[in-house]
Amino acid sequence: MLRAEKQDEMGKHKGSRAGFTVWFTGLSGTGKTTSSRLLKERLLAYGYRVELLDGDIVRQRLSRGLTFSKEDRDENIRRIGYVCELLGRNGVVSLVAAISPYRAAREWVRMQIPHFVEVYMECPLTVLIEKDVRGLYRRALAGKIPNFTGISDPYEPPLDPDVRIRSYQDTPTDGVDRIWEKLEKLRLVD
């Protein structure tokens, strides 16, 4: 079966909507969780079946035991991607809020999931360090958190994300509006 035919069939059950995945990527503190929660509320209000896979919770439940090595980070992303693929097949919208630092891992997941929308939550590192609500950057800069993305580990921003939200200047609502416009353009939402 051709990939396009498979995509058309996946997630479509008689009388139901197709599932899709919105993948929020960006450094810690860029608003991935906040924006994904707002999008979830909107989708639920329109009658969509939605699951939110937050990176911090996934690490505790699905990926316990994985380290923060590149190999284990990639495995974490593959696991999340597999769950999204399963949910999508069953007409569920998956929202992923995970740093997912490596471009190749995100691209691999994109190839596995029909109807994949990548949202890049962009914010300069200097702004994130300055606001540092949870104190993570301060601890990472002091060497107390090893392998911290953006400080002692790399983050590879998407080259061509489907949606770019500049969280240092866009409000969460403005960002979700932009995502919704993209979903409408892709005919993923009514």
C-alpha atoms as a PDB file:
ATOM      1  CA  MET A   1       0.000   0.000   0.000  1.00  0.00           C
ATOM      2  CA  LEU A   2       1.329   3.444  -0.852  1.00  0.00           C
ATOM      3  CA  ARG A   3       2.222   5.792   2.027  1.00  0.00           C
ATOM      4  CA  ALA A   4      -0.435   8.363   0.958  1.00  0.00           C
ATOM      5  CA  GLU A   5      -3.143   5.685   0.883  1.00  0.00           C
ATOM      6  CA  LYS A   6      -2.050   4.439   4.287  1.00  0.00           C
ATOM      7  CA  GLN A   7      -2.234   8.007   5.646  1.00  0.00           C
ATOM      8  CA  ASP A   8      -5.752   8.454   4.289  1.00  0.00           C
ATOM      9  CA  GLU A   9      -6.928   5.233   5.918  1.00  0.00           C
ATOM     10  CA  MET A  10      -5.162   5.662   9.243  1.00  0.00           C
ATOM     11  CA  GLY A  11      -7.214   7.124  12.027  1.00  0.00           C
ATOM     12  CA  LYS A  12     -10.468   7.078  10.052  1.00  0.00           C
ATOM     13  CA  HIS A  13     -13.175   4.916  11.494  1.00  0.00           C
ATOM     14  CA  LYS A  14     -16.713   4.975  10.232  1.00  0.00           C
ATOM     15  CA  GLY A  15     -18.263   8.223  11.469  1.00  0.00           C
ATOM     16  CA  SER A  16     -15.156   9.458  13.279  1.00  0.00           C
ATOM     17  CA  ARG A  17     -12.429  11.992  12.667  1.00  0.00           C
ATOM     18  CA  ALA A  18      -8.874  11.142  11.731  1.00  0.00           C
ATOM     19  CA  GLY A  19      -6.270  11.230  14.459  1.00  0.00           C
ATOM     20  CA  PHE A  20      -3.239  13.479  14.165  1.00  0.00           C
ATOM     21  CA  THR A  21      -0.236  14.569  16.206  1.00  0.00           C
ATOM     22  CA  VAL A  22       0.853  18.066  17.200  1.00  0.00           C
ATOM     23  CA  TRP A  23       4.436  17.876  18.451  1.00  0.00           C
ATOM     24  CA  PHE A  24       5.659  20.838  20.533  1.00  0.00           C
ATOM     25  CA  THR A  25       9.457  21.084  20.639  1.00  0.00           C
ATOM     26  CA  GLY A  26      11.725  23.674  22.219  1.00  0.00           C
ATOM     27  CA  LEU A  27      13.985  24.296  25.165  1.00  0.00           C
ATOM     28  CA  SER A  28      12.815  23.904  28.759  1.00  0.00           C
ATOM     29  CA  GLY A  29      10.582  26.789  29.812  1.00  0.00           C
ATOM     30  CA  THR A  30       9.405  27.862  26.351  1.00  0.00           C
ATOM     31  CA  GLY A  31       5.727  27.151  27.036  1.00  0.00           C
ATOM     32  CA  LYS A  32       5.258  23.747  25.433  1.00  0.00           C
ATOM     33  CA  THR A  33       3.043  22.416  28.224  1.00  0.00           C
ATOM     34  CA  THR A  34       1.032  25.631  28.571  1.00  0.00           C
ATOM     35  CA  SER A  35       0.327  25.824  24.843  1.00  0.00           C
ATOM     36  CA  SER A  36      -0.479  22.128  24.527  1.00  0.00           C
ATOM     37  CA  ARG A  37      -2.967  22.388  27.411  1.00  0.00           C
ATOM     38  CA  LEU A  38      -4.686  25.354  25.756  1.00  0.00           C
ATOM     39  CA  LEU A  39      -4.864  23.495  22.458  1.00  0.00           C
ATOM     40  CA  LYS A  40      -6.245  20.441  24.251  1.00  0.00           C
ATOM     41  CA  GLU A  41      -9.042  22.534  25.781  1.00  0.00           C
ATOM     42  CA  ARG A  42      -9.977  23.922  22.370  1.00  0.00           C
ATOM     43  CA  LEU A  43      -9.946  20.513  20.695  1.00  0.00           C
ATOM     44  CA  LEU A  44     -12.073  18.999  23.467  1.00  0.00           C
ATOM     45  CA  ALA A  45     -14.565  21.872  23.129  1.00  0.00           C
ATOM     46  CA  TYR A  46     -14.959  20.900  19.455  1.00  0.00           C
ATOM     47  CA  GLY A  47     -15.553  17.251  20.300  1.00  0.00           C
ATOM     48  CA  TYR A  48     -12.135  15.779  19.488  1.00  0.00           C
ATOM     49  CA  ARG A  49     -10.683  12.876  21.430  1.00  0.00           C
ATOM     50  CA  VAL A  50      -7.340  14.143  22.751  1.00  0.00           C
ATOM     51  CA  GLU A  51      -4.386  12.848  24.749  1.00  0.00           C
ATOM     52  CA  LEU A  52      -1.573  15.060  26.025  1.00  0.00           C
ATOM     53  CA  LEU A  53       1.831  13.407  26.358  1.00  0.00           C
ATOM     54  CA  ASP A  54       3.966  15.717  28.481  1.00  0.00           C
ATOM     55  CA  GLY A  55       7.675  14.942  28.384  1.00  0.00           C
ATOM     56  CA  ASP A  56       8.139  15.110  32.163  1.00  0.00           C
ATOM     57  CA  ILE A  57       5.278  12.677  32.808  1.00  0.00           C
ATOM     58  CA  VAL A  58       6.308  10.336  29.980  1.00  0.00           C
ATOM     59  CA  ARG A  59       9.778  10.115  31.518  1.00  0.00           C
ATOM     60  CA  GLN A  60       8.230   8.942  34.798  1.00  0.00           C
ATOM     61  CA  ARG A  61       5.741   6.481  33.299  1.00  0.00           C
ATOM     62  CA  LEU A  62       6.838   5.238  29.871  1.00  0.00           C
ATOM     63  CA  SER A  63      10.561   5.906  29.809  1.00  0.00           C
ATOM     64  CA  ARG A  64      11.613   5.293  33.401  1.00  0.00           C
ATOM     65  CA  GLY A  65      15.158   4.014  33.481  1.00  0.00           C
ATOM     66  CA  LEU A  66      16.309   5.908  30.412  1.00  0.00           C
ATOM     67  CA  THR A  67      19.208   8.294  30.961  1.00  0.00           C
ATOM     68  CA  PHE A  68      19.796  11.626  29.283  1.00  0.00           C
ATOM     69  CA  SER A  69      22.353  10.244  26.835  1.00  0.00           C
ATOM     70  CA  LYS A  70      21.701  10.949  23.159  1.00  0.00           C
ATOM     71  CA  GLU A  71      20.753   7.306  22.569  1.00  0.00           C
ATOM     72  CA  ASP A  72      18.259   7.258  25.434  1.00  0.00           C
ATOM     73  CA  ARG A  73      16.785  10.627  24.481  1.00  0.00           C
ATOM     74  CA  ASP A  74      16.225   9.297  20.959  1.00  0.00           C
ATOM     75  CA  GLU A  75      14.635   6.137  22.393  1.00  0.00           C
ATOM     76  CA  ASN A  76      12.324   8.282  24.521  1.00  0.00           C
ATOM     77  CA  ILE A  77      11.187  10.154  21.399  1.00  0.00           C
ATOM     78  CA  ARG A  78      10.664   6.886  19.492  1.00  0.00           C
ATOM     79  CA  ARG A  79       8.497   5.567  22.342  1.00  0.00           C
ATOM     80  CA  ILE A  80       6.387   8.729  22.401  1.00  0.00           C
ATOM     81  CA  GLY A  81       6.095   8.558  18.624  1.00  0.00           C
ATOM     82  CA  TYR A  82       4.898   4.960  18.779  1.00  0.00           C
ATOM     83  CA  VAL A  83       2.161   5.891  21.256  1.00  0.00           C
ATOM     84  CA  CYS A  84       1.109   8.771  18.973  1.00  0.00           C
ATOM     85  CA  GLU A  85       0.968   6.420  16.000  1.00  0.00           C
ATOM     86  CA  LEU A  86      -1.296   4.011  17.922  1.00  0.00           C
ATOM     87  CA  LEU A  87      -3.556   6.799  19.144  1.00  0.00           C
ATOM     88  CA  GLY A  88      -3.790   8.314  15.663  1.00  0.00           C
ATOM     89  CA  ARG A  89      -4.857   4.982  14.183  1.00  0.00           C
ATOM     90  CA  ASN A  90      -7.762   5.064  16.592  1.00  0.00           C
ATOM     91  CA  GLY A  91      -8.900   8.594  15.798  1.00  0.00           C
ATOM     92  CA  VAL A  92      -7.269  10.265  18.797  1.00  0.00           C
ATOM     93  CA  VAL A  93      -5.400  13.559  18.589  1.00  0.00           C
ATOM     94  CA  SER A  94      -1.997  13.377  20.306  1.00  0.00           C
ATOM     95  CA  LEU A  95      -0.406  16.489  21.704  1.00  0.00           C
ATOM     96  CA  VAL A  96       3.247  16.050  22.635  1.00  0.00           C
ATOM     97  CA  ALA A  97       5.083  18.568  24.807  1.00  0.00           C
ATOM     98  CA  ALA A  98       8.671  17.326  24.873  1.00  0.00           C
ATOM     99  CA  ILE A  99      12.015  19.063  24.399  1.00  0.00           C
ATOM    100  CA  SER A 100      13.018  16.410  21.826  1.00  0.00           C
ATOM    101  CA  PRO A 101      16.402  18.022  21.232  1.00  0.00           C
ATOM    102  CA  TYR A 102      17.637  16.121  18.195  1.00  0.00           C
ATOM    103  CA  ARG A 103      16.384  16.956  14.718  1.00  0.00           C
ATOM    104  CA  ALA A 104      16.955  13.455  13.322  1.00  0.00           C
ATOM    105  CA  ALA A 105      14.794  11.838  16.013  1.00  0.00           C
ATOM    106  CA  ARG A 106      11.970  14.317  15.353  1.00  0.00           C
ATOM    107  CA  GLU A 107      12.221  13.691  11.610  1.00  0.00           C
ATOM    108  CA  TRP A 108      12.148   9.927  12.178  1.00  0.00           C
ATOM    109  CA  VAL A 109       8.934  10.299  14.183  1.00  0.00           C
ATOM    110  CA  ARG A 110       7.448  12.547  11.485  1.00  0.00           C
ATOM    111  CA  MET A 111       7.985   9.762   8.946  1.00  0.00           C
ATOM    112  CA  GLN A 112       6.202   7.230  11.195  1.00  0.00           C
ATOM    113  CA  ILE A 113       3.118   9.308  11.973  1.00  0.00           C
ATOM    114  CA  PRO A 114       0.607  10.362   9.345  1.00  0.00           C
ATOM    115  CA  HIS A 115      -0.752  13.862   9.940  1.00  0.00           C
ATOM    116  CA  PHE A 116       2.194  15.146  11.997  1.00  0.00           C
ATOM    117  CA  VAL A 117       2.453  18.866  12.808  1.00  0.00           C
ATOM    118  CA  GLU A 118       5.681  20.182  14.342  1.00  0.00           C
ATOM    119  CA  VAL A 119       5.402  23.299  16.502  1.00  0.00           C
ATOM    120  CA  TYR A 120       8.655  25.020  17.419  1.00  0.00           C
ATOM    121  CA  MET A 121       8.425  27.001  20.642  1.00  0.00           C
ATOM    122  CA  GLU A 122      11.211  29.483  20.053  1.00  0.00           C
ATOM    123  CA  CYS A 123      12.762  31.597  22.802  1.00  0.00           C
ATOM    124  CA  PRO A 124      16.326  32.920  23.147  1.00  0.00           C
ATOM    125  CA  LEU A 125      18.370  31.120  25.769  1.00  0.00           C
ATOM    126  CA  THR A 126      19.179  34.446  27.463  1.00  0.00           C
ATOM    127  CA  VAL A 127      15.461  35.077  28.049  1.00  0.00           C
ATOM    128  CA  LEU A 128      14.950  31.572  29.435  1.00  0.00           C
ATOM    129  CA  ILE A 129      17.900  31.953  31.803  1.00  0.00           C
ATOM    130  CA  GLU A 130      16.589  35.337  32.949  1.00  0.00           C
ATOM    131  CA  LYS A 131      13.034  34.169  33.718  1.00  0.00           C
ATOM    132  CA  ASP A 132      14.034  30.632  34.916  1.00  0.00           C
ATOM    133  CA  VAL A 133      10.765  30.025  36.789  1.00  0.00           C
ATOM    134  CA  ARG A 134      11.744  26.557  38.062  1.00  0.00           C
ATOM    135  CA  GLY A 135      15.415  27.391  38.701  1.00  0.00           C
ATOM    136  CA  LEU A 136      16.587  24.705  36.264  1.00  0.00           C
ATOM    137  CA  TYR A 137      18.883  26.922  34.216  1.00  0.00           C
ATOM    138  CA  ARG A 138      20.510  28.349  37.346  1.00  0.00           C
ATOM    139  CA  ARG A 139      21.206  24.816  38.601  1.00  0.00           C
ATOM    140  CA  ALA A 140      22.428  23.653  35.173  1.00  0.00           C
ATOM    141  CA  LEU A 141      24.787  26.613  34.845  1.00  0.00           C
ATOM    142  CA  ALA A 142      26.151  25.784  38.309  1.00  0.00           C
ATOM    143  CA  GLY A 143      26.869  22.234  37.098  1.00  0.00           C
ATOM    144  CA  LYS A 144      24.204  20.683  39.329  1.00  0.00           C
ATOM    145  CA  ILE A 145      22.172  19.275  36.410  1.00  0.00           C
ATOM    146  CA  PRO A 146      24.341  17.360  33.927  1.00  0.00           C
ATOM    147  CA  ASN A 147      23.251  16.929  30.299  1.00  0.00           C
ATOM    148  CA  PHE A 148      20.864  19.887  30.452  1.00  0.00           C
ATOM    149  CA  THR A 149      19.582  20.760  26.990  1.00  0.00           C
ATOM    150  CA  GLY A 150      20.709  24.197  25.875  1.00  0.00           C
ATOM    151  CA  ILE A 151      23.465  24.431  28.482  1.00  0.00           C
ATOM    152  CA  SER A 152      25.621  21.281  28.528  1.00  0.00           C
ATOM    153  CA  ASP A 153      23.724  19.368  25.820  1.00  0.00           C
ATOM    154  CA  PRO A 154      22.745  20.603  22.353  1.00  0.00           C
ATOM    155  CA  TYR A 155      19.311  21.551  21.073  1.00  0.00           C
ATOM    156  CA  GLU A 156      18.834  21.361  17.318  1.00  0.00           C
ATOM    157  CA  PRO A 157      15.975  23.666  16.317  1.00  0.00           C
ATOM    158  CA  PRO A 158      13.718  22.586  13.473  1.00  0.00           C
ATOM    159  CA  LEU A 159      14.825  23.883  10.088  1.00  0.00           C
ATOM    160  CA  ASP A 160      11.291  24.202   8.740  1.00  0.00           C
ATOM    161  CA  PRO A 161       8.657  23.716  11.464  1.00  0.00           C
ATOM    162  CA  ASP A 162       4.999  23.641  10.483  1.00  0.00           C
ATOM    163  CA  VAL A 163       4.327  26.372  13.064  1.00  0.00           C
ATOM    164  CA  ARG A 164       6.792  28.680  14.800  1.00  0.00           C
ATOM    165  CA  ILE A 165       5.705  30.347  18.033  1.00  0.00           C
ATOM    166  CA  ARG A 166       7.999  33.002  19.470  1.00  0.00           C
ATOM    167  CA  SER A 167       7.015  32.413  23.074  1.00  0.00           C
ATOM    168  CA  TYR A 168       9.047  35.391  24.257  1.00  0.00           C
ATOM    169  CA  GLN A 169       6.688  37.731  22.388  1.00  0.00           C
ATOM    170  CA  ASP A 170       3.559  35.749  21.388  1.00  0.00           C
ATOM    171  CA  THR A 171       0.869  35.090  23.997  1.00  0.00           C
ATOM    172  CA  PRO A 172      -0.089  31.443  24.498  1.00  0.00           C
ATOM    173  CA  THR A 173      -3.521  32.194  22.998  1.00  0.00           C
ATOM    174  CA  ASP A 174      -1.956  33.817  19.915  1.00  0.00           C
ATOM    175  CA  GLY A 175       0.253  30.767  19.477  1.00  0.00           C
ATOM    176  CA  VAL A 176      -2.652  28.349  19.730  1.00  0.00           C
ATOM    177  CA  ASP A 177      -4.602  30.469  17.228  1.00  0.00           C
ATOM    178  CA  ARG A 178      -1.688  30.095  14.802  1.00  0.00           C
ATOM    179  CA  ILE A 179      -1.619  26.323  15.329  1.00  0.00           C
ATOM    180  CA  TRP A 180      -5.391  26.151  14.772  1.00  0.00           C
ATOM    181  CA  GLU A 181      -5.025  28.047  11.481  1.00  0.00           C
ATOM    182  CA  LYS A 182      -2.428  25.505  10.356  1.00  0.00           C
ATOM    183  CA  LEU A 183      -4.658  22.596  11.366  1.00  0.00           C
ATOM    184  CA  GLU A 184      -7.527  24.121   9.386  1.00  0.00           C
ATOM    185  CA  LYS A 185      -5.278  24.628   6.367  1.00  0.00           C
ATOM    186  CA  LEU A 186      -4.221  20.957   6.577  1.00  0.00           C
ATOM    187  CA  ARG A 187      -7.912  19.989   6.971  1.00  0.00           C
ATOM    188  CA  LEU A 188      -7.208  18.246  10.263  1.00  0.00           C
ATOM    189  CA  VAL A 189      -9.854  20.270  12.109  1.00  0.00           C
ATOM    190  CA  ASP A 190     -13.296  21.362  10.920  1.00  0.00           C
END
